[in-house]
Every structure is written in structure tokens, then in C-alpha cells.
């Protein structure tokens, strides 16, 4: 089990091929990670159950390209959640 308290803002997120594909913005509750905004100003969200290891990076269980195809554009608590300070 991954310690969610060890996930910090600005940590790189890497896929199973060990290539960075995102950066942590913040952890939402105990089930989702909000990723930094992309070039279009959109946040993306990945579930904690994808995370396999946290060291100086957040490692997920799938290649980055696959993760980017599967990530969510909607926060788990609905659109207002993604705009909390």
C-alpha cells in the first residue's frame, strides 16, 4: 500500500517505462491525484490505485501514453472540487 502522505506537489509522475508524463498538483482525498494543468489549462486526474511506488517520483502501473488515454478530466467530487484553493 502506498503512503499518500508521501505524495507532494510538483513531484514527477512516471509510467511503467520510467518516463515522466505529468506532475502532481495535489492529492484529492485518499483516492485521486490532481495533475498540474496542461497547455490548454486543464487539470487531469488519476486514481491512487494506479500508483505502485512513491520515492522521488510517483510511479504508476502503466505506460505514460496509456495513462494519458485513461486519465479523467473531471475531479471525483465534480467540477467545483477542481477549483478549490
PDB file of N, CA and C in Angstrom:
ATOM      1  N   UNK A   1       0.851  -1.190   0.000  1.00  0.00           N
ATOM      2  CA  UNK A   1       0.000   0.000   0.000  1.00  0.00           C
ATOM      3  C   UNK A   1       0.889   1.243   0.000  1.00  0.00           C
ATOM      4  N   UNK A   2       0.523   2.195  -0.815  1.00  0.00           N
ATOM      5  CA  UNK A   2       1.283   3.433  -0.947  1.00  0.00           C
ATOM      6  C   UNK A   2       0.842   4.423   0.122  1.00  0.00           C
ATOM      7  N   UNK A   3       1.805   5.115   0.727  1.00  0.00           N
ATOM      8  CA  UNK A   3       1.509   6.156   1.711  1.00  0.00           C
ATOM      9  C   UNK A   3       1.193   7.448   0.966  1.00  0.00           C
ATOM     10  N   UNK A   4      -0.084   7.824   0.926  1.00  0.00           N
ATOM     11  CA  UNK A   4      -0.463   9.021   0.169  1.00  0.00           C
ATOM     12  C   UNK A   4       0.151  10.281   0.747  1.00  0.00           C
ATOM     13  N   UNK A   5       0.528  10.269   2.015  1.00  0.00           N
ATOM     14  CA  UNK A   5       1.158  11.440   2.628  1.00  0.00           C
ATOM     15  C   UNK A   5       2.554  11.699   2.074  1.00  0.00           C
ATOM     16  N   UNK A   6       3.122  10.727   1.381  1.00  0.00           N
ATOM     17  CA  UNK A   6       4.447  10.916   0.790  1.00  0.00           C
ATOM     18  C   UNK A   6       4.371  11.554  -0.598  1.00  0.00           C
ATOM     19  N   UNK A   7       3.163  11.733  -1.119  1.00  0.00           N
ATOM     20  CA  UNK A   7       2.980  12.378  -2.422  1.00  0.00           C
ATOM     21  C   UNK A   7       2.867  13.882  -2.198  1.00  0.00           C
ATOM     22  N   UNK A   8       3.739  14.621  -2.869  1.00  0.00           N
ATOM     23  CA  UNK A   8       3.823  16.071  -2.687  1.00  0.00           C
ATOM     24  C   UNK A   8       3.592  16.809  -4.006  1.00  0.00           C
ATOM     25  N   UNK A   9       3.115  18.050  -3.922  1.00  0.00           N
ATOM     26  CA  UNK A   9       3.005  18.865  -5.133  1.00  0.00           C
ATOM     27  C   UNK A   9       4.360  18.979  -5.835  1.00  0.00           C
ATOM     28  N   UNK A  10       4.320  19.043  -7.142  1.00  0.00           N
ATOM     29  CA  UNK A  10       5.484  19.195  -8.017  1.00  0.00           C
ATOM     30  C   UNK A  10       6.292  17.910  -8.202  1.00  0.00           C
ATOM     31  N   UNK A  11       5.838  16.781  -7.638  1.00  0.00           N
ATOM     32  CA  UNK A  11       6.529  15.509  -7.876  1.00  0.00           C
ATOM     33  C   UNK A  11       6.238  15.039  -9.297  1.00  0.00           C
ATOM     34  N   UNK A  12       7.254  14.541 -10.000  1.00  0.00           N
ATOM     35  CA  UNK A  12       7.008  13.966 -11.321  1.00  0.00           C
ATOM     36  C   UNK A  12       6.197  12.676 -11.211  1.00  0.00           C
ATOM     37  N   UNK A  13       5.370  12.427 -12.208  1.00  0.00           N
ATOM     38  CA  UNK A  13       4.619  11.175 -12.305  1.00  0.00           C
ATOM     39  C   UNK A  13       5.186  10.432 -13.508  1.00  0.00           C
ATOM     40  N   UNK A  14       5.614   9.182 -13.283  1.00  0.00           N
ATOM     41  CA  UNK A  14       6.234   8.403 -14.348  1.00  0.00           C
ATOM     42  C   UNK A  14       5.449   7.125 -14.600  1.00  0.00           C
ATOM     43  N   UNK A  15       5.443   6.720 -15.861  1.00  0.00           N
ATOM     44  CA  UNK A  15       4.783   5.477 -16.231  1.00  0.00           C
ATOM     45  C   UNK A  15       5.680   4.281 -15.973  1.00  0.00           C
ATOM     46  N   UNK A  16       5.180   3.110 -16.309  1.00  0.00           N
ATOM     47  CA  UNK A  16       5.917   1.869 -16.065  1.00  0.00           C
ATOM     48  C   UNK A  16       7.214   1.799 -16.863  1.00  0.00           C
ATOM     49  N   UNK A  17       7.350   2.640 -17.894  1.00  0.00           N
ATOM     50  CA  UNK A  17       8.582   2.698 -18.662  1.00  0.00           C
ATOM     51  C   UNK A  17       9.567   3.699 -18.061  1.00  0.00           C
ATOM     52  N   UNK A  18       9.213   4.279 -16.898  1.00  0.00           N
ATOM     53  CA  UNK A  18      10.030   5.231 -16.134  1.00  0.00           C
ATOM     54  C   UNK A  18      10.236   6.567 -16.845  1.00  0.00           C
ATOM     55  N   UNK A  19       9.281   6.960 -17.672  1.00  0.00           N
ATOM     56  CA  UNK A  19       9.320   8.258 -18.339  1.00  0.00           C
ATOM     57  C   UNK A  19       8.250   9.160 -17.739  1.00  0.00           C
ATOM     58  N   UNK A  20       8.621  10.402 -17.464  1.00  0.00           N
ATOM     59  CA  UNK A  20       7.676  11.357 -16.874  1.00  0.00           C
ATOM     60  C   UNK A  20       6.598  11.734 -17.885  1.00  0.00           C
ATOM     61  N   UNK A  21       5.345  11.741 -17.420  1.00  0.00           N
ATOM     62  CA  UNK A  21       4.246  12.174 -18.283  1.00  0.00           C
ATOM     63  C   UNK A  21       3.368  13.229 -17.619  1.00  0.00           C
ATOM     64  N   UNK A  22       3.612  13.527 -16.348  1.00  0.00           N
ATOM     65  CA  UNK A  22       2.795  14.516 -15.645  1.00  0.00           C
ATOM     66  C   UNK A  22       3.518  14.950 -14.373  1.00  0.00           C
ATOM     67  N   UNK A  23       2.913  15.938 -13.705  1.00  0.00           N
ATOM     68  CA  UNK A  23       3.430  16.457 -12.438  1.00  0.00           C
ATOM     69  C   UNK A  23       2.256  16.590 -11.473  1.00  0.00           C
ATOM     70  N   UNK A  24       2.471  16.188 -10.234  1.00  0.00           N
ATOM     71  CA  UNK A  24       1.429  16.267  -9.205  1.00  0.00           C
ATOM     72  C   UNK A  24       1.118  17.722  -8.879  1.00  0.00           C
ATOM     73  N   UNK A  25      -0.157  18.056  -8.844  1.00  0.00           N
ATOM     74  CA  UNK A  25      -0.605  19.341  -8.314  1.00  0.00           C
ATOM     75  C   UNK A  25      -0.965  19.146  -6.846  1.00  0.00           C
ATOM     76  N   UNK A  26      -1.834  18.154  -6.575  1.00  0.00           N
ATOM     77  CA  UNK A  26      -2.224  17.854  -5.194  1.00  0.00           C
ATOM     78  C   UNK A  26      -2.949  16.517  -5.144  1.00  0.00           C
ATOM     79  N   UNK A  27      -3.088  16.002  -3.931  1.00  0.00           N
ATOM     80  CA  UNK A  27      -3.851  14.780  -3.693  1.00  0.00           C
ATOM     81  C   UNK A  27      -5.252  15.195  -3.267  1.00  0.00           C
ATOM     82  N   UNK A  28      -6.252  14.560  -3.849  1.00  0.00           N
ATOM     83  CA  UNK A  28      -7.648  14.836  -3.502  1.00  0.00           C
ATOM     84  C   UNK A  28      -8.174  13.666  -2.684  1.00  0.00           C
ATOM     85  N   UNK A  29      -8.363  13.886  -1.401  1.00  0.00           N
ATOM     86  CA  UNK A  29      -8.841  12.817  -0.536  1.00  0.00           C
ATOM     87  C   UNK A  29      -7.829  11.693  -0.482  1.00  0.00           C
ATOM     88  N   UNK A  30      -8.317  10.463  -0.483  1.00  0.00           N
ATOM     89  CA  UNK A  30      -7.400   9.324  -0.446  1.00  0.00           C
ATOM     90  C   UNK A  30      -7.511   8.460  -1.697  1.00  0.00           C
ATOM     91  N   UNK A  31      -8.166   8.992  -2.737  1.00  0.00           N
ATOM     92  CA  UNK A  31      -8.389   8.171  -3.925  1.00  0.00           C
ATOM     93  C   UNK A  31      -7.902   8.756  -5.239  1.00  0.00           C
ATOM     94  N   UNK A  32      -7.608  10.050  -5.314  1.00  0.00           N
ATOM     95  CA  UNK A  32      -7.246  10.656  -6.598  1.00  0.00           C
ATOM     96  C   UNK A  32      -6.061  11.607  -6.447  1.00  0.00           C
ATOM     97  N   UNK A  33      -5.324  11.739  -7.542  1.00  0.00           N
ATOM     98  CA  UNK A  33      -4.247  12.719  -7.645  1.00  0.00           C
ATOM     99  C   UNK A  33      -4.632  13.690  -8.750  1.00  0.00           C
ATOM    100  N   UNK A  34      -4.592  14.970  -8.421  1.00  0.00           N
ATOM    101  CA  UNK A  34      -4.813  16.003  -9.427  1.00  0.00           C
ATOM    102  C   UNK A  34      -3.452  16.363 -10.004  1.00  0.00           C
ATOM    103  N   UNK A  35      -3.361  16.350 -11.328  1.00  0.00           N
ATOM    104  CA  UNK A  35      -2.119  16.671 -12.009  1.00  0.00           C
ATOM    105  C   UNK A  35      -2.131  18.130 -12.436  1.00  0.00           C
ATOM    106  N   UNK A  36      -0.926  18.711 -12.588  1.00  0.00           N
ATOM    107  CA  UNK A  36      -0.825  20.110 -12.999  1.00  0.00           C
ATOM    108  C   UNK A  36      -1.559  20.348 -14.309  1.00  0.00           C
ATOM    109  N   UNK A  37      -1.946  21.580 -14.507  1.00  0.00           N
ATOM    110  CA  UNK A  37      -2.666  21.959 -15.724  1.00  0.00           C
ATOM    111  C   UNK A  37      -1.798  21.723 -16.959  1.00  0.00           C
ATOM    112  N   UNK A  38      -2.456  21.330 -18.043  1.00  0.00           N
ATOM    113  CA  UNK A  38      -1.744  21.144 -19.306  1.00  0.00           C
ATOM    114  C   UNK A  38      -1.721  22.465 -20.080  1.00  0.00           C
ATOM    115  N   UNK A  39      -1.230  22.439 -21.302  1.00  0.00           N
ATOM    116  CA  UNK A  39      -1.109  23.651 -22.114  1.00  0.00           C
ATOM    117  C   UNK A  39      -2.461  24.317 -22.377  1.00  0.00           C
ATOM    118  N   UNK A  40      -3.540  23.542 -22.317  1.00  0.00           N
ATOM    119  CA  UNK A  40      -4.885  24.094 -22.519  1.00  0.00           C
ATOM    120  C   UNK A  40      -5.523  24.549 -21.208  1.00  0.00           C
ATOM    121  N   UNK A  41      -4.779  24.480 -20.120  1.00  0.00           N
ATOM    122  CA  UNK A  41      -5.292  24.928 -18.828  1.00  0.00           C
ATOM    123  C   UNK A  41      -6.159  23.912 -18.103  1.00  0.00           C
ATOM    124  N   UNK A  42      -6.120  22.653 -18.545  1.00  0.00           N
ATOM    125  CA  UNK A  42      -6.958  21.609 -17.950  1.00  0.00           C
ATOM    126  C   UNK A  42      -6.170  20.779 -16.940  1.00  0.00           C
ATOM    127  N   UNK A  43      -6.800  20.500 -15.800  1.00  0.00           N
ATOM    128  CA  UNK A  43      -6.251  19.517 -14.867  1.00  0.00           C
ATOM    129  C   UNK A  43      -6.642  18.130 -15.360  1.00  0.00           C
ATOM    130  N   UNK A  44      -5.841  17.137 -14.975  1.00  0.00           N
ATOM    131  CA  UNK A  44      -6.163  15.737 -15.230  1.00  0.00           C
ATOM    132  C   UNK A  44      -6.099  15.022 -13.892  1.00  0.00           C
ATOM    133  N   UNK A  45      -6.774  13.894 -13.784  1.00  0.00           N
ATOM    134  CA  UNK A  45      -6.894  13.167 -12.514  1.00  0.00           C
ATOM    135  C   UNK A  45      -6.593  11.698 -12.741  1.00  0.00           C
ATOM    136  N   UNK A  46      -5.787  11.131 -11.832  1.00  0.00           N
ATOM    137  CA  UNK A  46      -5.518   9.697 -11.883  1.00  0.00           C
ATOM    138  C   UNK A  46      -5.863   9.089 -10.527  1.00  0.00           C
ATOM    139  N   UNK A  47      -6.352   7.852 -10.538  1.00  0.00           N
ATOM    140  CA  UNK A  47      -6.709   7.209  -9.271  1.00  0.00           C
ATOM    141  C   UNK A  47      -5.467   6.718  -8.528  1.00  0.00           C
ATOM    142  N   UNK A  48      -5.538   6.739  -7.214  1.00  0.00           N
ATOM    143  CA  UNK A  48      -4.439   6.253  -6.381  1.00  0.00           C
ATOM    144  C   UNK A  48      -4.136   4.786  -6.652  1.00  0.00           C
ATOM    145  N   UNK A  49      -5.122   3.995  -7.071  1.00  0.00           N
ATOM    146  CA  UNK A  49      -4.849   2.570  -7.274  1.00  0.00           C
ATOM    147  C   UNK A  49      -3.939   2.304  -8.472  1.00  0.00           C
ATOM    148  N   UNK A  50      -3.615   3.308  -9.261  1.00  0.00           N
ATOM    149  CA  UNK A  50      -2.604   3.166 -10.305  1.00  0.00           C
ATOM    150  C   UNK A  50      -1.195   3.257  -9.732  1.00  0.00           C
ATOM    151  N   UNK A  51      -1.042   3.897  -8.579  1.00  0.00           N
ATOM    152  CA  UNK A  51       0.282   4.177  -8.013  1.00  0.00           C
ATOM    153  C   UNK A  51       0.873   2.901  -7.417  1.00  0.00           C
ATOM    154  N   UNK A  52       2.104   2.604  -7.828  1.00  0.00           N
ATOM    155  CA  UNK A  52       2.787   1.402  -7.334  1.00  0.00           C
ATOM    156  C   UNK A  52       3.861   1.729  -6.314  1.00  0.00           C
ATOM    157  N   UNK A  53       4.572   2.840  -6.518  1.00  0.00           N
ATOM    158  CA  UNK A  53       5.690   3.231  -5.658  1.00  0.00           C
ATOM    159  C   UNK A  53       5.750   4.745  -5.609  1.00  0.00           C
ATOM    160  N   UNK A  54       6.139   5.271  -4.445  1.00  0.00           N
ATOM    161  CA  UNK A  54       6.434   6.694  -4.325  1.00  0.00           C
ATOM    162  C   UNK A  54       7.828   6.802  -3.725  1.00  0.00           C
ATOM    163  N   UNK A  55       8.742   7.422  -4.474  1.00  0.00           N
ATOM    164  CA  UNK A  55      10.067   7.736  -3.957  1.00  0.00           C
ATOM    165  C   UNK A  55      10.273   9.217  -4.251  1.00  0.00           C
ATOM    166  N   UNK A  56      11.199   9.583  -5.095  1.00  0.00           N
ATOM    167  CA  UNK A  56      11.287  10.980  -5.512  1.00  0.00           C
ATOM    168  C   UNK A  56      10.338  11.260  -6.673  1.00  0.00           C
ATOM    169  N   UNK A  57       9.653  10.214  -7.131  1.00  0.00           N
ATOM    170  CA  UNK A  57       8.648  10.295  -8.191  1.00  0.00           C
ATOM    171  C   UNK A  57       7.442   9.465  -7.785  1.00  0.00           C
ATOM    172  N   UNK A  58       6.334   9.715  -8.457  1.00  0.00           N
ATOM    173  CA  UNK A  58       5.142   8.877  -8.305  1.00  0.00           C
ATOM    174  C   UNK A  58       5.134   7.922  -9.500  1.00  0.00           C
ATOM    175  N   UNK A  59       5.244   6.632  -9.229  1.00  0.00           N
ATOM    176  CA  UNK A  59       5.285   5.611 -10.275  1.00  0.00           C
ATOM    177  C   UNK A  59       3.900   4.990 -10.425  1.00  0.00           C
ATOM    178  N   UNK A  60       3.447   4.856 -11.679  1.00  0.00           N
ATOM    179  CA  UNK A  60       2.157   4.215 -11.923  1.00  0.00           C
ATOM    180  C   UNK A  60       2.356   2.892 -12.659  1.00  0.00           C
ATOM    181  N   UNK A  61       1.312   2.084 -12.661  1.00  0.00           N
ATOM    182  CA  UNK A  61       1.384   0.702 -13.135  1.00  0.00           C
ATOM    183  C   UNK A  61       1.196   0.513 -14.633  1.00  0.00           C
ATOM    184  N   UNK A  62       1.219   1.600 -15.395  1.00  0.00           N
ATOM    185  CA  UNK A  62       1.003   1.505 -16.840  1.00  0.00           C
ATOM    186  C   UNK A  62       1.900   2.516 -17.553  1.00  0.00           C
ATOM    187  N   UNK A  63       2.160   2.310 -18.829  1.00  0.00           N
ATOM    188  CA  UNK A  63       2.952   3.289 -19.573  1.00  0.00           C
ATOM    189  C   UNK A  63       2.275   4.660 -19.576  1.00  0.00           C
ATOM    190  N   UNK A  64       3.063   5.704 -19.649  1.00  0.00           N
ATOM    191  CA  UNK A  64       2.534   7.061 -19.632  1.00  0.00           C
ATOM    192  C   UNK A  64       1.502   7.330 -20.710  1.00  0.00           C
ATOM    193  N   UNK A  65       1.749   6.848 -21.926  1.00  0.00           N
ATOM    194  CA  UNK A  65       0.779   7.070 -23.018  1.00  0.00           C
ATOM    195  C   UNK A  65      -0.575   6.452 -22.691  1.00  0.00           C
ATOM    196  N   UNK A  66      -0.541   5.264 -22.117  1.00  0.00           N
ATOM    197  CA  UNK A  66      -1.794   4.604 -21.732  1.00  0.00           C
ATOM    198  C   UNK A  66      -2.481   5.379 -20.612  1.00  0.00           C
ATOM    199  N   UNK A  67      -1.706   5.830 -19.636  1.00  0.00           N
ATOM    200  CA  UNK A  67      -2.269   6.609 -18.527  1.00  0.00           C
ATOM    201  C   UNK A  67      -2.935   7.880 -19.045  1.00  0.00           C
ATOM    202  N   UNK A  68      -2.300   8.541 -20.008  1.00  0.00           N
ATOM    203  CA  UNK A  68      -2.874   9.772 -20.554  1.00  0.00           C
ATOM    204  C   UNK A  68      -4.157   9.505 -21.333  1.00  0.00           C
ATOM    205  N   UNK A  69      -4.285   8.333 -21.925  1.00  0.00           N
ATOM    206  CA  UNK A  69      -5.542   7.986 -22.615  1.00  0.00           C
ATOM    207  C   UNK A  69      -6.656   7.692 -21.618  1.00  0.00           C
ATOM    208  N   UNK A  70      -6.270   7.247 -20.419  1.00  0.00           N
ATOM    209  CA  UNK A  70      -7.261   6.793 -19.445  1.00  0.00           C
ATOM    210  C   UNK A  70      -7.544   7.784 -18.320  1.00  0.00           C
ATOM    211  N   UNK A  71      -6.727   8.816 -18.170  1.00  0.00           N
ATOM    212  CA  UNK A  71      -6.959   9.720 -17.049  1.00  0.00           C
ATOM    213  C   UNK A  71      -8.287  10.447 -17.203  1.00  0.00           C
ATOM    214  N   UNK A  72      -8.761  10.978 -16.107  1.00  0.00           N
ATOM    215  CA  UNK A  72     -10.053  11.663 -16.091  1.00  0.00           C
ATOM    216  C   UNK A  72      -9.839  13.162 -16.235  1.00  0.00           C
ATOM    217  N   UNK A  73     -10.788  13.822 -16.869  1.00  0.00           N
ATOM    218  CA  UNK A  73     -10.773  15.282 -16.964  1.00  0.00           C
ATOM    219  C   UNK A  73     -11.672  15.918 -15.916  1.00  0.00           C
ATOM    220  N   UNK A  74     -12.396  15.099 -15.172  1.00  0.00           N
ATOM    221  CA  UNK A  74     -13.346  15.585 -14.175  1.00  0.00           C
ATOM    222  C   UNK A  74     -12.911  15.145 -12.788  1.00  0.00           C
ATOM    223  N   UNK A  75     -12.836  16.079 -11.832  1.00  0.00           N
ATOM    224  CA  UNK A  75     -12.481  15.685 -10.467  1.00  0.00           C
ATOM    225  C   UNK A  75     -13.531  14.743  -9.887  1.00  0.00           C
ATOM    226  N   UNK A  76     -13.131  13.901  -8.940  1.00  0.00           N
ATOM    227  CA  UNK A  76     -14.052  12.912  -8.382  1.00  0.00           C
ATOM    228  C   UNK A  76     -15.258  13.516  -7.682  1.00  0.00           C
ATOM    229  N   UNK A  77     -15.138  14.743  -7.201  1.00  0.00           N
ATOM    230  CA  UNK A  77     -16.252  15.368  -6.479  1.00  0.00           C
ATOM    231  C   UNK A  77     -17.012  16.350  -7.366  1.00  0.00           C
ATOM    232  N   UNK A  78     -16.767  16.326  -8.676  1.00  0.00           N
ATOM    233  CA  UNK A  78     -17.445  17.222  -9.594  1.00  0.00           C
ATOM    234  C   UNK A  78     -16.603  18.450  -9.887  1.00  0.00           C
ATOM    235  N   UNK A  79     -16.974  19.232 -10.888  1.00  0.00           N
ATOM    236  CA  UNK A  79     -16.175  20.375 -11.317  1.00  0.00           C
ATOM    237  C   UNK A  79     -15.783  21.373 -10.229  1.00  0.00           C
ATOM    238  N   UNK A  80     -16.635  21.711  -9.249  1.00  0.00           N
ATOM    239  CA  UNK A  80     -16.186  22.688  -8.248  1.00  0.00           C
ATOM    240  C   UNK A  80     -14.972  22.221  -7.451  1.00  0.00           C
ATOM    241  N   UNK A  81     -14.833  20.920  -7.247  1.00  0.00           N
ATOM    242  CA  UNK A  81     -13.726  20.376  -6.464  1.00  0.00           C
ATOM    243  C   UNK A  81     -12.387  20.773  -7.070  1.00  0.00           C
ATOM    244  N   UNK A  82     -12.285  20.748  -8.372  1.00  0.00           N
ATOM    245  CA  UNK A  82     -11.037  21.058  -9.046  1.00  0.00           C
ATOM    246  C   UNK A  82     -10.620  22.505  -8.930  1.00  0.00           C
ATOM    247  N   UNK A  83     -11.494  23.347  -8.411  1.00  0.00           N
ATOM    248  CA  UNK A  83     -11.189  24.770  -8.309  1.00  0.00           C
ATOM    249  C   UNK A  83     -10.982  25.227  -6.876  1.00  0.00           C
ATOM    250  N   UNK A  84     -10.865  24.284  -5.944  1.00  0.00           N
ATOM    251  CA  UNK A  84     -10.608  24.663  -4.554  1.00  0.00           C
ATOM    252  C   UNK A  84      -9.182  25.140  -4.412  1.00  0.00           C
ATOM    253  N   UNK A  85      -8.950  26.081  -3.539  1.00  0.00           N
ATOM    254  CA  UNK A  85      -7.591  26.593  -3.314  1.00  0.00           C
ATOM    255  C   UNK A  85      -6.816  25.654  -2.425  1.00  0.00           C
TER     256      UNK A  85
END
